[in-house]
Amino acid sequence: MTNTPNFLPNMQGERLVLFLAYEEVGLLDLSGPQTVFWAADKRMRERGLPGYARRVASLAGGMVRSAEGMALATEPLSSFLLQEIDTIIVPGSPDMPRVQSLLRELSDWLAVAASRARRTASVCSGTFLLAQAGLLNGKRAATHWAMCDLLQERFPAVDIDRDSLFVRQEAVWTSAGVTAGIDLALALVEADCGYEVAMQVARELVVFLKRPGGQAQFSELLLAQEAGGDTFERLHLWIMENLTLELPVEVLAGQVNMSPRNFARVYKEKTGRTPAKGVEALRLEAARRMLEASQRTVEQVARLCGFGNEERLRTVFQRKLGVSPSDYRKRFAPSAMRRTR
């Protein structure tokens, strides 16, 4: 049996997904989610169910140039005054700090249109336009990690979520940087069409289906490499390959030919945390990935990632993520893996 929400067969006609465009819009912010809805439309029509109409619109219509230099053909927003809009997608711009103030009229349109659309979503820095339209006051929202501080400065009434790939607050969805718009679009498709259709789309596009939005924007390994620079890049890779070993500061220091005392000092200066906390973060990262992508039991995951036992793994998960390993697997693993304990 397919996992398709009951309301779909009762809907008359396809659902209109309206993508907003403007000068300097980010091309992938728009084309990524658009491709997801295009693929979902095909899958739904194959099942004899309503699909998605995908339209790109700007204030005046006509050709709009993206930040990357590609010209996009758009329809004027006035064309949609009498149409029922299901979903509004607001892409961001890599130059949003500058262009936001030029888009007041678009934000004003959005403030009105969002009230009659079923839902409104932003990709990357498109969150700024939702905030400018007053749609995020008192709400939690995501945006590109590099723009979180600026968003907080310009819109203090918004509760910034600096970690999630995307956030849903009632009928308003926001997502993090660029490719997170694909994750967001897959979540919207799953909400409409069910897990099977969303998974088929993810497979067609060769991307992971990240269903809930609680996964971090970055892997711990990426953050550790960025923070530590060349000094500790090889060390972090070595740690990930040797998680089952005991990794006291003496062992880590030996890997980079430093004294334990000097290593502990320099490591904290470079990464902002102690060596022990660094190892714990990388072990947690490995455990998360293993729970998401393998059928190993929680006890096996705990041992393979160096936590020793399930209880210690559970303690770290609760402290860092606020959920147990089993609950984390239920949220993020494909259905075939969720029953594994």
C-alpha atoms as a PDB file:
ATOM      1  CA  MET A   1       0.000   0.000   0.000  1.00  0.00           C
ATOM      2  CA  THR A   2       1.316   3.462  -0.823  1.00  0.00           C
ATOM      3  CA  ASN A   3       1.781   6.005   1.903  1.00  0.00           C
ATOM      4  CA  THR A   4      -0.242   8.824   0.342  1.00  0.00           C
ATOM      5  CA  PRO A   5      -2.199  11.266   2.533  1.00  0.00           C
ATOM      6  CA  ASN A   6      -5.952  10.799   2.276  1.00  0.00           C
ATOM      7  CA  PHE A   7      -6.687  14.342   1.153  1.00  0.00           C
ATOM      8  CA  LEU A   8      -4.888  14.036  -2.167  1.00  0.00           C
ATOM      9  CA  PRO A   9      -7.475  11.982  -4.100  1.00  0.00           C
ATOM     10  CA  ASN A  10     -10.139  14.489  -3.086  1.00  0.00           C
ATOM     11  CA  MET A  11      -8.259  17.504  -4.391  1.00  0.00           C
ATOM     12  CA  GLN A  12      -9.395  18.921  -7.701  1.00  0.00           C
ATOM     13  CA  GLY A  13      -6.560  19.707 -10.093  1.00  0.00           C
ATOM     14  CA  GLU A  14      -2.893  20.251  -9.589  1.00  0.00           C
ATOM     15  CA  ARG A  15      -1.363  22.338  -6.820  1.00  0.00           C
ATOM     16  CA  LEU A  16       0.273  25.607  -7.819  1.00  0.00           C
ATOM     17  CA  VAL A  17       3.811  26.116  -6.503  1.00  0.00           C
ATOM     18  CA  LEU A  18       4.906  29.690  -7.132  1.00  0.00           C
ATOM     19  CA  PHE A  19       8.631  30.475  -7.121  1.00  0.00           C
ATOM     20  CA  LEU A  20       9.520  34.126  -6.607  1.00  0.00           C
ATOM     21  CA  ALA A  21      12.367  35.604  -8.646  1.00  0.00           C
ATOM     22  CA  TYR A  22      14.161  38.945  -8.536  1.00  0.00           C
ATOM     23  CA  GLU A  23      17.429  40.442  -9.746  1.00  0.00           C
ATOM     24  CA  GLU A  24      20.409  38.666  -8.135  1.00  0.00           C
ATOM     25  CA  VAL A  25      18.346  35.657  -7.004  1.00  0.00           C
ATOM     26  CA  GLY A  26      20.390  32.538  -6.283  1.00  0.00           C
ATOM     27  CA  LEU A  27      19.955  30.107  -9.167  1.00  0.00           C
ATOM     28  CA  LEU A  28      20.283  26.870  -7.191  1.00  0.00           C
ATOM     29  CA  ASP A  29      18.004  28.239  -4.456  1.00  0.00           C
ATOM     30  CA  LEU A  30      15.282  28.319  -7.100  1.00  0.00           C
ATOM     31  CA  SER A  31      16.165  25.451  -9.430  1.00  0.00           C
ATOM     32  CA  GLY A  32      16.874  22.883  -6.692  1.00  0.00           C
ATOM     33  CA  PRO A  33      13.382  22.918  -5.131  1.00  0.00           C
ATOM     34  CA  GLN A  34      11.822  23.416  -8.548  1.00  0.00           C
ATOM     35  CA  THR A  35      13.417  20.187  -9.776  1.00  0.00           C
ATOM     36  CA  VAL A  36      12.122  18.330  -6.710  1.00  0.00           C
ATOM     37  CA  PHE A  37       8.541  19.437  -7.445  1.00  0.00           C
ATOM     38  CA  TRP A  38       9.003  18.616 -11.127  1.00  0.00           C
ATOM     39  CA  ALA A  39      10.047  15.059 -10.274  1.00  0.00           C
ATOM     40  CA  ALA A  40       7.223  14.729  -7.728  1.00  0.00           C
ATOM     41  CA  ASP A  41       4.731  15.928 -10.332  1.00  0.00           C
ATOM     42  CA  LYS A  42       5.786  13.082 -12.628  1.00  0.00           C
ATOM     43  CA  ARG A  43       5.416  10.512  -9.854  1.00  0.00           C
ATOM     44  CA  MET A  44       1.981  11.729  -8.829  1.00  0.00           C
ATOM     45  CA  ARG A  45       0.676  11.764 -12.393  1.00  0.00           C
ATOM     46  CA  GLU A  46       1.892   8.200 -12.850  1.00  0.00           C
ATOM     47  CA  ARG A  47      -0.408   7.311  -9.946  1.00  0.00           C
ATOM     48  CA  GLY A  48      -3.339   9.177 -11.436  1.00  0.00           C
ATOM     49  CA  LEU A  49      -3.215  11.819  -8.694  1.00  0.00           C
ATOM     50  CA  PRO A  50      -2.961  15.614  -8.904  1.00  0.00           C
ATOM     51  CA  GLY A  51       0.579  16.879  -9.434  1.00  0.00           C
ATOM     52  CA  TYR A  52       2.244  20.252  -9.173  1.00  0.00           C
ATOM     53  CA  ALA A  53       2.095  23.256 -11.485  1.00  0.00           C
ATOM     54  CA  ARG A  54       5.399  25.090 -11.179  1.00  0.00           C
ATOM     55  CA  ARG A  55       5.538  28.771 -12.107  1.00  0.00           C
ATOM     56  CA  VAL A  56       8.237  31.412 -11.706  1.00  0.00           C
ATOM     57  CA  ALA A  57       7.102  34.983 -11.106  1.00  0.00           C
ATOM     58  CA  SER A  58       8.594  38.388 -10.433  1.00  0.00           C
ATOM     59  CA  LEU A  59       7.042  41.765  -9.703  1.00  0.00           C
ATOM     60  CA  ALA A  60       6.979  42.965 -13.310  1.00  0.00           C
ATOM     61  CA  GLY A  61       7.536  39.701 -15.141  1.00  0.00           C
ATOM     62  CA  GLY A  62       9.940  39.327 -18.034  1.00  0.00           C
ATOM     63  CA  MET A  63      13.581  38.344 -17.880  1.00  0.00           C
ATOM     64  CA  VAL A  64      15.305  38.397 -14.496  1.00  0.00           C
ATOM     65  CA  ARG A  65      19.036  37.843 -14.124  1.00  0.00           C
ATOM     66  CA  SER A  66      20.242  35.493 -11.407  1.00  0.00           C
ATOM     67  CA  ALA A  67      23.298  36.172  -9.266  1.00  0.00           C
ATOM     68  CA  GLU A  68      25.178  33.632 -11.368  1.00  0.00           C
ATOM     69  CA  GLY A  69      24.347  35.522 -14.569  1.00  0.00           C
ATOM     70  CA  MET A  70      21.644  33.299 -16.038  1.00  0.00           C
ATOM     71  CA  ALA A  71      18.498  35.041 -17.303  1.00  0.00           C
ATOM     72  CA  LEU A  72      15.202  33.588 -16.103  1.00  0.00           C
ATOM     73  CA  ALA A  73      11.850  34.019 -17.835  1.00  0.00           C
ATOM     74  CA  THR A  74       9.208  35.059 -15.296  1.00  0.00           C
ATOM     75  CA  GLU A  75       5.524  35.897 -15.214  1.00  0.00           C
ATOM     76  CA  PRO A  76       4.220  39.044 -13.486  1.00  0.00           C
ATOM     77  CA  LEU A  77       2.864  38.500  -9.994  1.00  0.00           C
ATOM     78  CA  SER A  78      -0.321  40.271 -11.059  1.00  0.00           C
ATOM     79  CA  SER A  79      -1.131  37.189 -13.161  1.00  0.00           C
ATOM     80  CA  PHE A  80      -1.779  35.231  -9.982  1.00  0.00           C
ATOM     81  CA  LEU A  81      -4.202  37.585  -8.242  1.00  0.00           C
ATOM     82  CA  LEU A  82      -7.183  35.324  -8.885  1.00  0.00           C
ATOM     83  CA  GLN A  83      -5.376  31.998  -8.747  1.00  0.00           C
ATOM     84  CA  GLU A  84      -5.303  29.712  -5.738  1.00  0.00           C
ATOM     85  CA  ILE A  85      -1.659  29.412  -4.690  1.00  0.00           C
ATOM     86  CA  ASP A  86      -0.790  26.292  -2.771  1.00  0.00           C
ATOM     87  CA  THR A  87       2.867  26.956  -1.950  1.00  0.00           C
ATOM     88  CA  ILE A  88       5.075  30.036  -2.251  1.00  0.00           C
ATOM     89  CA  ILE A  89       8.818  29.397  -2.457  1.00  0.00           C
ATOM     90  CA  VAL A  90      11.129  32.367  -1.783  1.00  0.00           C
ATOM     91  CA  PRO A  91      14.728  31.722  -2.914  1.00  0.00           C
ATOM     92  CA  GLY A  92      17.599  33.661  -1.415  1.00  0.00           C
ATOM     93  CA  SER A  93      20.443  35.657  -2.900  1.00  0.00           C
ATOM     94  CA  PRO A  94      24.173  35.479  -2.181  1.00  0.00           C
ATOM     95  CA  ASP A  95      24.036  39.285  -2.089  1.00  0.00           C
ATOM     96  CA  MET A  96      21.029  39.459   0.235  1.00  0.00           C
ATOM     97  CA  PRO A  97      22.595  42.013   2.636  1.00  0.00           C
ATOM     98  CA  ARG A  98      22.513  44.498  -0.244  1.00  0.00           C
ATOM     99  CA  VAL A  99      19.398  43.497  -2.228  1.00  0.00           C
ATOM    100  CA  GLN A 100      17.024  43.064   0.709  1.00  0.00           C
ATOM    101  CA  SER A 101      16.316  46.778   0.955  1.00  0.00           C
ATOM    102  CA  LEU A 102      15.534  46.850  -2.786  1.00  0.00           C
ATOM    103  CA  LEU A 103      12.845  44.201  -2.413  1.00  0.00           C
ATOM    104  CA  ARG A 104      10.377  45.997  -0.144  1.00  0.00           C
ATOM    105  CA  GLU A 105       7.603  45.856  -2.741  1.00  0.00           C
ATOM    106  CA  LEU A 106       8.124  42.125  -3.143  1.00  0.00           C
ATOM    107  CA  SER A 107       7.977  41.673   0.640  1.00  0.00           C
ATOM    108  CA  ASP A 108       4.752  43.682   0.773  1.00  0.00           C
ATOM    109  CA  TRP A 109       3.233  41.397  -1.861  1.00  0.00           C
ATOM    110  CA  LEU A 110       4.439  38.380   0.087  1.00  0.00           C
ATOM    111  CA  ALA A 111       2.854  39.597   3.323  1.00  0.00           C
ATOM    112  CA  VAL A 112      -0.551  39.592   1.644  1.00  0.00           C
ATOM    113  CA  ALA A 113      -0.132  36.517  -0.557  1.00  0.00           C
ATOM    114  CA  ALA A 114       1.107  34.311   2.271  1.00  0.00           C
ATOM    115  CA  SER A 115      -2.161  34.796   4.114  1.00  0.00           C
ATOM    116  CA  ARG A 116      -4.077  33.112   1.301  1.00  0.00           C
ATOM    117  CA  ALA A 117      -1.530  30.438   0.343  1.00  0.00           C
ATOM    118  CA  ARG A 118      -1.557  27.086   2.130  1.00  0.00           C
ATOM    119  CA  ARG A 119       2.092  27.492   3.062  1.00  0.00           C
ATOM    120  CA  THR A 120       5.128  29.695   2.438  1.00  0.00           C
ATOM    121  CA  ALA A 121       8.755  28.602   2.406  1.00  0.00           C
ATOM    122  CA  SER A 122      12.152  30.229   2.023  1.00  0.00           C
ATOM    123  CA  VAL A 123      15.469  28.874   0.843  1.00  0.00           C
ATOM    124  CA  CYS A 124      18.768  30.074   2.307  1.00  0.00           C
ATOM    125  CA  SER A 125      18.752  33.885   2.691  1.00  0.00           C
ATOM    126  CA  GLY A 126      15.190  34.055   1.353  1.00  0.00           C
ATOM    127  CA  THR A 127      14.394  33.997   5.068  1.00  0.00           C
ATOM    128  CA  PHE A 128      15.226  37.721   5.088  1.00  0.00           C
ATOM    129  CA  LEU A 129      12.288  38.417   2.781  1.00  0.00           C
ATOM    130  CA  LEU A 130       9.909  36.400   4.942  1.00  0.00           C
ATOM    131  CA  ALA A 131      11.135  38.334   7.965  1.00  0.00           C
ATOM    132  CA  GLN A 132      10.780  41.641   6.121  1.00  0.00           C
ATOM    133  CA  ALA A 133       7.203  40.644   5.311  1.00  0.00           C
ATOM    134  CA  GLY A 134       6.511  40.107   9.031  1.00  0.00           C
ATOM    135  CA  LEU A 135       5.918  36.374   8.610  1.00  0.00           C
ATOM    136  CA  LEU A 136       8.552  35.299  11.150  1.00  0.00           C
ATOM    137  CA  ASN A 137       7.869  37.526  14.147  1.00  0.00           C
ATOM    138  CA  GLY A 138       8.077  35.337  17.233  1.00  0.00           C
ATOM    139  CA  LYS A 139       8.846  32.277  15.121  1.00  0.00           C
ATOM    140  CA  ARG A 140      11.864  30.034  14.898  1.00  0.00           C
ATOM    141  CA  ALA A 141      13.631  30.182  11.527  1.00  0.00           C
ATOM    142  CA  ALA A 142      16.690  28.883   9.694  1.00  0.00           C
ATOM    143  CA  THR A 143      18.932  30.597   7.172  1.00  0.00           C
ATOM    144  CA  HIS A 144      22.445  30.246   5.776  1.00  0.00           C
ATOM    145  CA  TRP A 145      24.908  29.855   8.641  1.00  0.00           C
ATOM    146  CA  ALA A 146      26.942  32.864   7.466  1.00  0.00           C
ATOM    147  CA  MET A 147      23.897  35.154   7.652  1.00  0.00           C
ATOM    148  CA  CYS A 148      22.508  34.183  11.048  1.00  0.00           C
ATOM    149  CA  ASP A 149      24.071  37.119  12.873  1.00  0.00           C
ATOM    150  CA  LEU A 150      22.880  39.633  10.280  1.00  0.00           C
ATOM    151  CA  LEU A 151      19.359  38.190  10.316  1.00  0.00           C
ATOM    152  CA  GLN A 152      19.283  38.470  14.108  1.00  0.00           C
ATOM    153  CA  GLU A 153      20.561  42.038  13.933  1.00  0.00           C
ATOM    154  CA  ARG A 154      18.013  43.168  11.355  1.00  0.00           C
ATOM    155  CA  PHE A 155      15.064  41.186  12.699  1.00  0.00           C
ATOM    156  CA  PRO A 156      15.425  40.684  16.472  1.00  0.00           C
ATOM    157  CA  ALA A 157      11.853  39.349  16.725  1.00  0.00           C
ATOM    158  CA  VAL A 158      12.924  36.201  14.851  1.00  0.00           C
ATOM    159  CA  ASP A 159      14.187  33.207  16.850  1.00  0.00           C
ATOM    160  CA  ILE A 160      17.211  32.083  14.818  1.00  0.00           C
ATOM    161  CA  ASP A 161      17.873  28.337  14.606  1.00  0.00           C
ATOM    162  CA  ARG A 162      21.553  28.163  13.707  1.00  0.00           C
ATOM    163  CA  ASP A 163      21.779  24.389  13.377  1.00  0.00           C
ATOM    164  CA  SER A 164      18.802  22.930  11.514  1.00  0.00           C
ATOM    165  CA  LEU A 165      18.641  22.214   7.813  1.00  0.00           C
ATOM    166  CA  PHE A 166      15.096  23.498   7.818  1.00  0.00           C
ATOM    167  CA  VAL A 167      12.432  24.571  10.281  1.00  0.00           C
ATOM    168  CA  ARG A 168       8.659  24.333  10.128  1.00  0.00           C
ATOM    169  CA  GLN A 169       6.558  26.793  12.100  1.00  0.00           C
ATOM    170  CA  GLU A 170       2.896  26.170  11.302  1.00  0.00           C
ATOM    171  CA  ALA A 171       2.422  27.218   7.644  1.00  0.00           C
ATOM    172  CA  VAL A 172       5.858  28.837   7.333  1.00  0.00           C
ATOM    173  CA  TRP A 173       8.963  26.831   6.455  1.00  0.00           C
ATOM    174  CA  THR A 174      12.525  28.154   6.334  1.00  0.00           C
ATOM    175  CA  SER A 175      15.732  26.404   5.290  1.00  0.00           C
ATOM    176  CA  ALA A 176      19.465  26.820   5.597  1.00  0.00           C
ATOM    177  CA  GLY A 177      22.041  27.385   2.898  1.00  0.00           C
ATOM    178  CA  VAL A 178      21.506  26.674  -0.803  1.00  0.00           C
ATOM    179  CA  THR A 179      21.233  22.870  -1.156  1.00  0.00           C
ATOM    180  CA  ALA A 180      19.150  22.663   2.037  1.00  0.00           C
ATOM    181  CA  GLY A 181      16.364  23.951  -0.214  1.00  0.00           C
ATOM    182  CA  ILE A 182      16.323  20.490  -1.784  1.00  0.00           C
ATOM    183  CA  ASP A 183      15.893  18.907   1.650  1.00  0.00           C
ATOM    184  CA  LEU A 184      13.098  21.375   2.363  1.00  0.00           C
ATOM    185  CA  ALA A 185      11.342  20.629  -0.929  1.00  0.00           C
ATOM    186  CA  LEU A 186      11.570  16.878  -0.291  1.00  0.00           C
ATOM    187  CA  ALA A 187       9.967  17.412   3.118  1.00  0.00           C
ATOM    188  CA  LEU A 188       7.160  19.432   1.527  1.00  0.00           C
ATOM    189  CA  VAL A 189       6.614  16.692  -1.052  1.00  0.00           C
ATOM    190  CA  GLU A 190       6.555  14.039   1.649  1.00  0.00           C
ATOM    191  CA  ALA A 191       4.002  16.050   3.634  1.00  0.00           C
ATOM    192  CA  ASP A 192       1.792  16.150   0.523  1.00  0.00           C
ATOM    193  CA  CYS A 193       2.447  12.876  -1.210  1.00  0.00           C
ATOM    194  CA  GLY A 194       3.839  10.476   1.355  1.00  0.00           C
ATOM    195  CA  TYR A 195       7.175   8.862   2.078  1.00  0.00           C
ATOM    196  CA  GLU A 196       7.268   6.584  -0.977  1.00  0.00           C
ATOM    197  CA  VAL A 197       6.885   9.391  -3.494  1.00  0.00           C
ATOM    198  CA  ALA A 198       9.455  11.561  -1.702  1.00  0.00           C
ATOM    199  CA  MET A 199      11.900   8.641  -1.607  1.00  0.00           C
ATOM    200  CA  GLN A 200      11.402   7.984  -5.331  1.00  0.00           C
ATOM    201  CA  VAL A 201      12.152  11.630  -6.033  1.00  0.00           C
ATOM    202  CA  ALA A 202      15.268  11.526  -3.845  1.00  0.00           C
ATOM    203  CA  ARG A 203      16.498   8.439  -5.669  1.00  0.00           C
ATOM    204  CA  GLU A 204      15.862   9.999  -9.069  1.00  0.00           C
ATOM    205  CA  LEU A 205      17.835  13.098  -8.078  1.00  0.00           C
ATOM    206  CA  VAL A 206      20.510  11.001  -6.328  1.00  0.00           C
ATOM    207  CA  VAL A 207      20.186  12.844  -3.017  1.00  0.00           C
ATOM    208  CA  PHE A 208      19.490  11.737   0.535  1.00  0.00           C
ATOM    209  CA  LEU A 209      15.959  12.020   1.862  1.00  0.00           C
ATOM    210  CA  LYS A 210      16.412  14.044   5.052  1.00  0.00           C
ATOM    211  CA  ARG A 211      12.891  14.018   6.325  1.00  0.00           C
ATOM    212  CA  PRO A 212      12.749  15.954   9.631  1.00  0.00           C
ATOM    213  CA  GLY A 213      14.658  19.222   9.866  1.00  0.00           C
ATOM    214  CA  GLY A 214      16.628  18.618  13.034  1.00  0.00           C
ATOM    215  CA  GLN A 215      19.874  17.538  11.417  1.00  0.00           C
ATOM    216  CA  ALA A 216      22.748  19.961  11.655  1.00  0.00           C
ATOM    217  CA  GLN A 217      23.867  22.074   8.700  1.00  0.00           C
ATOM    218  CA  PHE A 218      27.428  20.806   9.107  1.00  0.00           C
ATOM    219  CA  SER A 219      29.129  17.565  10.018  1.00  0.00           C
ATOM    220  CA  GLU A 220      31.365  17.685  13.069  1.00  0.00           C
ATOM    221  CA  LEU A 221      34.285  16.555  10.906  1.00  0.00           C
ATOM    222  CA  LEU A 222      33.814  19.535   8.602  1.00  0.00           C
ATOM    223  CA  LEU A 223      33.575  21.914  11.540  1.00  0.00           C
ATOM    224  CA  ALA A 224      36.633  20.381  13.176  1.00  0.00           C
ATOM    225  CA  GLN A 225      38.663  20.618   9.983  1.00  0.00           C
ATOM    226  CA  GLU A 226      37.602  24.224   9.466  1.00  0.00           C
ATOM    227  CA  ALA A 227      38.381  25.244  13.037  1.00  0.00           C
ATOM    228  CA  GLY A 228      41.640  23.328  13.327  1.00  0.00           C
ATOM    229  CA  GLY A 229      42.966  24.183   9.892  1.00  0.00           C
ATOM    230  CA  ASP A 230      45.918  22.270   8.501  1.00  0.00           C
ATOM    231  CA  THR A 231      47.354  21.780  11.993  1.00  0.00           C
ATOM    232  CA  PHE A 232      44.778  19.212  13.047  1.00  0.00           C
ATOM    233  CA  GLU A 233      43.119  18.146   9.772  1.00  0.00           C
ATOM    234  CA  ARG A 234      45.004  14.851   9.589  1.00  0.00           C
ATOM    235  CA  LEU A 235      44.436  14.265  13.292  1.00  0.00           C
ATOM    236  CA  HIS A 236      40.667  14.559  12.937  1.00  0.00           C
ATOM    237  CA  LEU A 237      40.652  12.154  10.008  1.00  0.00           C
ATOM    238  CA  TRP A 238      42.789   9.742  12.038  1.00  0.00           C
ATOM    239  CA  ILE A 239      40.372   9.982  14.973  1.00  0.00           C
ATOM    240  CA  MET A 240      37.423   9.120  12.727  1.00  0.00           C
ATOM    241  CA  GLU A 241      39.308   6.039  11.534  1.00  0.00           C
ATOM    242  CA  ASN A 242      40.213   4.923  15.067  1.00  0.00           C
ATOM    243  CA  LEU A 243      37.137   5.616  17.164  1.00  0.00           C
ATOM    244  CA  THR A 244      37.251   2.220  18.882  1.00  0.00           C
ATOM    245  CA  LEU A 245      40.611   3.041  20.491  1.00  0.00           C
ATOM    246  CA  GLU A 246      41.146   4.766  23.798  1.00  0.00           C
ATOM    247  CA  LEU A 247      42.000   8.347  22.816  1.00  0.00           C
ATOM    248  CA  PRO A 248      43.470  10.208  25.781  1.00  0.00           C
ATOM    249  CA  VAL A 249      45.336  13.451  25.251  1.00  0.00           C
ATOM    250  CA  GLU A 250      48.687  11.620  25.279  1.00  0.00           C
ATOM    251  CA  VAL A 251      47.689   9.506  22.257  1.00  0.00           C
ATOM    252  CA  LEU A 252      46.337  12.484  20.347  1.00  0.00           C
ATOM    253  CA  ALA A 253      49.401  14.591  21.104  1.00  0.00           C
ATOM    254  CA  GLY A 254      51.630  11.804  19.829  1.00  0.00           C
ATOM    255  CA  GLN A 255      49.842  11.832  16.477  1.00  0.00           C
ATOM    256  CA  VAL A 256      50.909  15.456  15.887  1.00  0.00           C
ATOM    257  CA  ASN A 257      54.328  15.196  17.588  1.00  0.00           C
ATOM    258  CA  MET A 258      53.487  17.585  20.404  1.00  0.00           C
ATOM    259  CA  SER A 259      53.750  17.336  24.160  1.00  0.00           C
ATOM    260  CA  PRO A 260      50.389  16.599  25.831  1.00  0.00           C
ATOM    261  CA  ARG A 261      50.363  19.928  27.654  1.00  0.00           C
ATOM    262  CA  ASN A 262      51.197  22.001  24.572  1.00  0.00           C
ATOM    263  CA  PHE A 263      48.799  19.987  22.435  1.00  0.00           C
ATOM    264  CA  ALA A 264      45.889  20.536  24.840  1.00  0.00           C
ATOM    265  CA  ARG A 265      46.567  24.270  24.874  1.00  0.00           C
ATOM    266  CA  VAL A 266      46.941  24.682  21.108  1.00  0.00           C
ATOM    267  CA  TYR A 267      44.005  22.408  20.327  1.00  0.00           C
ATOM    268  CA  LYS A 268      41.656  24.460  22.457  1.00  0.00           C
ATOM    269  CA  GLU A 269      42.968  27.696  20.942  1.00  0.00           C
ATOM    270  CA  LYS A 270      42.394  26.371  17.413  1.00  0.00           C
ATOM    271  CA  THR A 271      39.065  24.555  17.855  1.00  0.00           C
ATOM    272  CA  GLY A 272      37.448  26.230  20.853  1.00  0.00           C
ATOM    273  CA  ARG A 273      37.102  23.010  22.833  1.00  0.00           C
ATOM    274  CA  THR A 274      39.215  20.529  24.757  1.00  0.00           C
ATOM    275  CA  PRO A 275      40.637  17.422  23.066  1.00  0.00           C
ATOM    276  CA  ALA A 276      38.211  15.244  25.039  1.00  0.00           C
ATOM    277  CA  LYS A 277      35.239  17.293  23.815  1.00  0.00           C
ATOM    278  CA  GLY A 278      36.589  17.145  20.278  1.00  0.00           C
ATOM    279  CA  VAL A 279      36.789  13.353  20.381  1.00  0.00           C
ATOM    280  CA  GLU A 280      33.298  13.134  21.866  1.00  0.00           C
ATOM    281  CA  ALA A 281      31.870  15.334  19.101  1.00  0.00           C
ATOM    282  CA  LEU A 282      33.437  13.197  16.374  1.00  0.00           C
ATOM    283  CA  ARG A 283      32.188  10.016  18.044  1.00  0.00           C
ATOM    284  CA  LEU A 284      28.718  11.477  18.254  1.00  0.00           C
ATOM    285  CA  GLU A 285      28.892  12.408  14.571  1.00  0.00           C
ATOM    286  CA  ALA A 286      29.846   8.843  13.647  1.00  0.00           C
ATOM    287  CA  ALA A 287      27.077   7.399  15.821  1.00  0.00           C
ATOM    288  CA  ARG A 288      24.464   9.654  14.229  1.00  0.00           C
ATOM    289  CA  ARG A 289      25.497   8.603  10.729  1.00  0.00           C
ATOM    290  CA  MET A 290      25.536   4.927  11.710  1.00  0.00           C
ATOM    291  CA  LEU A 291      22.067   5.141  13.240  1.00  0.00           C
ATOM    292  CA  GLU A 292      20.781   6.875  10.109  1.00  0.00           C
ATOM    293  CA  ALA A 293      22.338   4.564   7.545  1.00  0.00           C
ATOM    294  CA  SER A 294      22.929   1.119   9.070  1.00  0.00           C
ATOM    295  CA  GLN A 295      20.937  -1.630  10.748  1.00  0.00           C
ATOM    296  CA  ARG A 296      23.384  -2.096  13.617  1.00  0.00           C
ATOM    297  CA  THR A 297      21.873  -2.164  17.085  1.00  0.00           C
ATOM    298  CA  VAL A 298      22.347   0.794  19.397  1.00  0.00           C
ATOM    299  CA  GLU A 299      24.726  -1.305  21.504  1.00  0.00           C
ATOM    300  CA  GLN A 300      26.813  -2.115  18.430  1.00  0.00           C
ATOM    301  CA  VAL A 301      26.861   1.537  17.395  1.00  0.00           C
ATOM    302  CA  ALA A 302      28.027   2.517  20.881  1.00  0.00           C
ATOM    303  CA  ARG A 303      30.958   0.087  20.745  1.00  0.00           C
ATOM    304  CA  LEU A 304      31.994   0.846  17.155  1.00  0.00           C
ATOM    305  CA  CYS A 305      32.024   4.594  17.837  1.00  0.00           C
ATOM    306  CA  GLY A 306      34.067   4.304  20.999  1.00  0.00           C
ATOM    307  CA  PHE A 307      31.392   4.997  23.603  1.00  0.00           C
ATOM    308  CA  GLY A 308      31.872   1.562  25.140  1.00  0.00           C
ATOM    309  CA  ASN A 309      28.254   0.820  25.967  1.00  0.00           C
ATOM    310  CA  GLU A 310      24.713   1.871  25.153  1.00  0.00           C
ATOM    311  CA  GLU A 311      24.205   3.762  28.414  1.00  0.00           C
ATOM    312  CA  ARG A 312      27.138   6.092  27.769  1.00  0.00           C
ATOM    313  CA  LEU A 313      25.959   6.682  24.204  1.00  0.00           C
ATOM    314  CA  ARG A 314      22.450   7.455  25.469  1.00  0.00           C
ATOM    315  CA  THR A 315      23.823   9.948  27.998  1.00  0.00           C
ATOM    316  CA  VAL A 316      25.740  11.856  25.316  1.00  0.00           C
ATOM    317  CA  PHE A 317      22.772  11.849  22.931  1.00  0.00           C
ATOM    318  CA  GLN A 318      20.464  13.245  25.617  1.00  0.00           C
ATOM    319  CA  ARG A 319      22.978  15.909  26.626  1.00  0.00           C
ATOM    320  CA  LYS A 320      23.889  17.044  23.108  1.00  0.00           C
ATOM    321  CA  LEU A 321      20.752  16.344  21.038  1.00  0.00           C
ATOM    322  CA  GLY A 322      17.961  16.052  23.588  1.00  0.00           C
ATOM    323  CA  VAL A 323      16.830  12.625  22.331  1.00  0.00           C
ATOM    324  CA  SER A 324      17.781   9.000  22.871  1.00  0.00           C
ATOM    325  CA  PRO A 325      19.658   7.060  20.162  1.00  0.00           C
ATOM    326  CA  SER A 326      16.534   5.001  19.460  1.00  0.00           C
ATOM    327  CA  ASP A 327      14.356   8.089  19.088  1.00  0.00           C
ATOM    328  CA  TYR A 328      16.971   9.682  16.850  1.00  0.00           C
ATOM    329  CA  ARG A 329      16.859   6.621  14.584  1.00  0.00           C
ATOM    330  CA  LYS A 330      13.066   6.787  14.466  1.00  0.00           C
ATOM    331  CA  ARG A 331      13.246  10.375  13.258  1.00  0.00           C
ATOM    332  CA  PHE A 332      16.047  10.141  10.722  1.00  0.00           C
ATOM    333  CA  ALA A 333      16.482   6.597   9.473  1.00  0.00           C
ATOM    334  CA  PRO A 334      14.482   5.131   6.556  1.00  0.00           C
ATOM    335  CA  SER A 335      11.494   3.080   7.684  1.00  0.00           C
ATOM    336  CA  ALA A 336      13.281  -0.237   7.039  1.00  0.00           C
ATOM    337  CA  MET A 337      15.886   0.646   9.690  1.00  0.00           C
ATOM    338  CA  ARG A 338      13.679   2.170  12.352  1.00  0.00           C
ATOM    339  CA  ARG A 339      12.817  -1.117  14.044  1.00  0.00           C
ATOM    340  CA  THR A 340      16.458  -1.969  14.733  1.00  0.00           C
ATOM    341  CA  ARG A 341      17.407  -1.446  18.376  1.00  0.00           C
END
